[in-house]
Amino acid sequence: MFDKVISAIFLPGLLVILFSRVTYNRIIGLILTVALIAASAYKGYTHTFPLIVIDAASLTLGFYYAEKILKKDV
């Protein structure tokens, strides 16, 4: 369970940043990351409500950071 919490803290935010850098659009990066998380939840990898909350918080922080990065690059 500890590995799922650590993954939920870091991976969604990093994926948003990665997809935002690749597509140069933070909205597309967020949508792609949410689709991946939804697919993993559908497959049964996200079992508890706290993991969903941690994923959402990481998505929010990653989205905020991606916005700062993309504004700096322009």
N, C-alpha and C. Protein backbone atom coordinates (compact mmCIF):
# COMPACT_ATOMS: atom_id res chain seq x y z
N MET A 1 0.82 -1.19 0.00
CA MET A 1 0.00 0.00 0.00
C MET A 1 0.87 1.26 0.00
N PHE A 2 2.03 1.19 0.67
CA PHE A 2 2.92 2.35 0.75
C PHE A 2 3.43 2.75 -0.63
N ASP A 3 3.72 1.77 -1.48
CA ASP A 3 4.20 2.09 -2.83
C ASP A 3 3.13 2.78 -3.67
N LYS A 4 1.87 2.43 -3.45
CA LYS A 4 0.78 3.09 -4.17
C LYS A 4 0.62 4.54 -3.74
N VAL A 5 0.83 4.80 -2.45
CA VAL A 5 0.73 6.18 -1.95
C VAL A 5 1.87 7.02 -2.51
N ILE A 6 3.08 6.49 -2.51
CA ILE A 6 4.22 7.23 -3.06
C ILE A 6 4.01 7.48 -4.55
N SER A 7 3.52 6.48 -5.27
CA SER A 7 3.25 6.66 -6.69
C SER A 7 2.16 7.69 -6.92
N ALA A 8 1.13 7.69 -6.08
CA ALA A 8 0.04 8.66 -6.22
C ALA A 8 0.50 10.08 -5.91
N ILE A 9 1.52 10.21 -5.09
CA ILE A 9 2.03 11.55 -4.76
C ILE A 9 2.80 12.12 -5.94
N PHE A 10 3.63 11.33 -6.58
CA PHE A 10 4.55 11.87 -7.58
C PHE A 10 4.12 11.68 -9.03
N LEU A 11 3.62 10.52 -9.40
CA LEU A 11 3.42 10.21 -10.80
C LEU A 11 2.39 11.08 -11.53
N PRO A 12 1.20 11.34 -10.98
CA PRO A 12 0.26 12.18 -11.73
C PRO A 12 0.80 13.58 -12.03
N GLY A 13 1.45 14.19 -11.07
CA GLY A 13 2.01 15.52 -11.30
C GLY A 13 3.10 15.50 -12.34
N LEU A 14 3.97 14.49 -12.28
CA LEU A 14 5.03 14.37 -13.27
C LEU A 14 4.48 14.09 -14.67
N LEU A 15 3.41 13.29 -14.74
CA LEU A 15 2.81 13.02 -16.05
C LEU A 15 2.19 14.26 -16.65
N VAL A 16 1.53 15.08 -15.83
CA VAL A 16 0.95 16.32 -16.34
C VAL A 16 2.06 17.21 -16.90
N ILE A 17 3.15 17.32 -16.17
CA ILE A 17 4.27 18.15 -16.63
C ILE A 17 4.85 17.58 -17.93
N LEU A 18 5.06 16.27 -17.98
CA LEU A 18 5.62 15.64 -19.17
C LEU A 18 4.71 15.85 -20.38
N PHE A 19 3.43 15.54 -20.25
CA PHE A 19 2.51 15.68 -21.37
C PHE A 19 2.35 17.15 -21.77
N SER A 20 2.41 18.05 -20.81
CA SER A 20 2.31 19.48 -21.13
C SER A 20 3.53 19.95 -21.92
N ARG A 21 4.68 19.45 -21.56
CA ARG A 21 5.90 19.83 -22.28
C ARG A 21 5.92 19.25 -23.69
N VAL A 22 5.40 18.05 -23.85
CA VAL A 22 5.40 17.40 -25.16
C VAL A 22 4.38 18.06 -26.09
N THR A 23 3.19 18.36 -25.57
CA THR A 23 2.13 18.91 -26.42
C THR A 23 2.09 20.44 -26.42
N TYR A 24 2.85 21.09 -25.56
CA TYR A 24 2.84 22.55 -25.39
C TYR A 24 1.46 23.08 -25.03
N ASN A 25 0.66 22.25 -24.37
CA ASN A 25 -0.66 22.66 -23.95
C ASN A 25 -0.96 21.98 -22.61
N ARG A 26 -1.17 22.79 -21.58
CA ARG A 26 -1.36 22.19 -20.25
C ARG A 26 -2.71 21.50 -20.11
N ILE A 27 -3.72 21.94 -20.85
CA ILE A 27 -5.04 21.30 -20.79
C ILE A 27 -4.97 19.89 -21.38
N ILE A 28 -4.29 19.75 -22.50
CA ILE A 28 -4.14 18.43 -23.12
C ILE A 28 -3.34 17.51 -22.19
N GLY A 29 -2.31 18.03 -21.56
CA GLY A 29 -1.54 17.25 -20.60
C GLY A 29 -2.39 16.77 -19.45
N LEU A 30 -3.26 17.65 -18.95
CA LEU A 30 -4.15 17.27 -17.85
C LEU A 30 -5.15 16.21 -18.30
N ILE A 31 -5.72 16.37 -19.48
CA ILE A 31 -6.70 15.40 -19.99
C ILE A 31 -6.07 14.03 -20.19
N LEU A 32 -4.88 13.99 -20.76
CA LEU A 32 -4.19 12.71 -20.96
C LEU A 32 -3.88 12.02 -19.63
N THR A 33 -3.46 12.79 -18.65
CA THR A 33 -3.15 12.20 -17.35
C THR A 33 -4.41 11.70 -16.65
N VAL A 34 -5.49 12.48 -16.71
CA VAL A 34 -6.75 12.03 -16.11
C VAL A 34 -7.24 10.76 -16.79
N ALA A 35 -7.07 10.66 -18.12
CA ALA A 35 -7.47 9.45 -18.83
C ALA A 35 -6.66 8.24 -18.36
N LEU A 36 -5.37 8.42 -18.14
CA LEU A 36 -4.55 7.31 -17.64
C LEU A 36 -4.96 6.90 -16.23
N ILE A 37 -5.26 7.87 -15.39
CA ILE A 37 -5.68 7.55 -14.02
C ILE A 37 -7.05 6.87 -14.03
N ALA A 38 -7.94 7.33 -14.90
CA ALA A 38 -9.26 6.70 -15.00
C ALA A 38 -9.14 5.25 -15.48
N ALA A 39 -8.24 5.01 -16.42
CA ALA A 39 -8.02 3.64 -16.89
C ALA A 39 -7.46 2.76 -15.79
N SER A 40 -6.55 3.29 -14.99
CA SER A 40 -6.00 2.48 -13.90
C SER A 40 -7.04 2.25 -12.81
N ALA A 41 -7.91 3.22 -12.58
CA ALA A 41 -8.98 3.02 -11.60
C ALA A 41 -9.98 1.98 -12.10
N TYR A 42 -10.25 2.02 -13.40
CA TYR A 42 -11.16 1.04 -14.00
C TYR A 42 -10.59 -0.37 -13.88
N LYS A 43 -9.28 -0.51 -14.04
CA LYS A 43 -8.65 -1.82 -13.92
C LYS A 43 -8.54 -2.29 -12.47
N GLY A 44 -8.77 -1.39 -11.52
CA GLY A 44 -8.78 -1.79 -10.12
C GLY A 44 -7.53 -1.49 -9.34
N TYR A 45 -6.66 -0.62 -9.85
CA TYR A 45 -5.43 -0.31 -9.15
C TYR A 45 -5.61 0.76 -8.08
N THR A 46 -6.66 1.54 -8.17
CA THR A 46 -6.95 2.55 -7.16
C THR A 46 -8.10 2.02 -6.31
N HIS A 47 -7.80 1.64 -5.08
CA HIS A 47 -8.79 0.96 -4.26
C HIS A 47 -9.51 1.87 -3.27
N THR A 48 -8.83 2.85 -2.78
CA THR A 48 -9.39 3.62 -1.67
C THR A 48 -9.58 5.08 -2.04
N PHE A 49 -10.45 5.72 -1.30
CA PHE A 49 -10.74 7.14 -1.52
C PHE A 49 -9.53 8.02 -1.23
N PRO A 50 -8.72 7.75 -0.19
CA PRO A 50 -7.54 8.59 0.02
C PRO A 50 -6.56 8.58 -1.16
N LEU A 51 -6.42 7.46 -1.86
CA LEU A 51 -5.56 7.43 -3.04
C LEU A 51 -6.10 8.34 -4.14
N ILE A 52 -7.40 8.39 -4.29
CA ILE A 52 -8.01 9.27 -5.28
C ILE A 52 -7.77 10.72 -4.92
N VAL A 53 -7.85 11.05 -3.64
CA VAL A 53 -7.61 12.42 -3.18
C VAL A 53 -6.14 12.80 -3.40
N ILE A 54 -5.23 11.88 -3.11
CA ILE A 54 -3.80 12.15 -3.32
C ILE A 54 -3.52 12.33 -4.81
N ASP A 55 -4.14 11.49 -5.67
CA ASP A 55 -3.99 11.66 -7.12
C ASP A 55 -4.48 13.04 -7.56
N ALA A 56 -5.62 13.45 -7.05
CA ALA A 56 -6.18 14.75 -7.44
C ALA A 56 -5.28 15.90 -6.98
N ALA A 57 -4.73 15.80 -5.79
CA ALA A 57 -3.83 16.85 -5.30
C ALA A 57 -2.56 16.90 -6.15
N SER A 58 -2.03 15.75 -6.51
CA SER A 58 -0.84 15.72 -7.35
C SER A 58 -1.14 16.27 -8.74
N LEU A 59 -2.30 15.96 -9.28
CA LEU A 59 -2.71 16.52 -10.57
C LEU A 59 -2.78 18.04 -10.50
N THR A 60 -3.35 18.55 -9.43
CA THR A 60 -3.48 20.00 -9.27
C THR A 60 -2.13 20.68 -9.20
N LEU A 61 -1.23 20.12 -8.41
CA LEU A 61 0.11 20.70 -8.29
C LEU A 61 0.88 20.59 -9.62
N GLY A 62 0.74 19.48 -10.29
CA GLY A 62 1.40 19.32 -11.59
C GLY A 62 0.85 20.29 -12.62
N PHE A 63 -0.45 20.51 -12.60
CA PHE A 63 -1.08 21.46 -13.52
C PHE A 63 -0.60 22.87 -13.25
N TYR A 64 -0.49 23.23 -11.98
CA TYR A 64 0.01 24.56 -11.60
C TYR A 64 1.46 24.75 -12.04
N TYR A 65 2.28 23.74 -11.81
CA TYR A 65 3.69 23.83 -12.18
C TYR A 65 3.85 23.86 -13.70
N ALA A 66 3.04 23.08 -14.41
CA ALA A 66 3.11 23.08 -15.87
C ALA A 66 2.73 24.45 -16.42
N GLU A 67 1.78 25.11 -15.78
CA GLU A 67 1.40 26.47 -16.20
C GLU A 67 2.57 27.42 -16.04
N LYS A 68 3.27 27.31 -14.91
CA LYS A 68 4.42 28.18 -14.68
C LYS A 68 5.53 27.91 -15.69
N ILE A 69 5.77 26.65 -16.01
CA ILE A 69 6.82 26.28 -16.96
C ILE A 69 6.48 26.80 -18.36
N LEU A 70 5.24 26.59 -18.79
CA LEU A 70 4.87 26.99 -20.14
C LEU A 70 4.86 28.51 -20.29
N LYS A 71 4.51 29.25 -19.23
CA LYS A 71 4.56 30.70 -19.31
C LYS A 71 6.01 31.18 -19.39
N LYS A 72 6.92 30.49 -18.73
CA LYS A 72 8.33 30.87 -18.73
C LYS A 72 8.95 30.62 -20.11
N ASP A 73 8.51 29.57 -20.82
CA ASP A 73 9.07 29.22 -22.12
C ASP A 73 8.60 30.15 -23.21
N VAL A 74 7.46 30.75 -23.05
CA VAL A 74 6.90 31.60 -24.12
C VAL A 74 7.50 32.96 -24.13
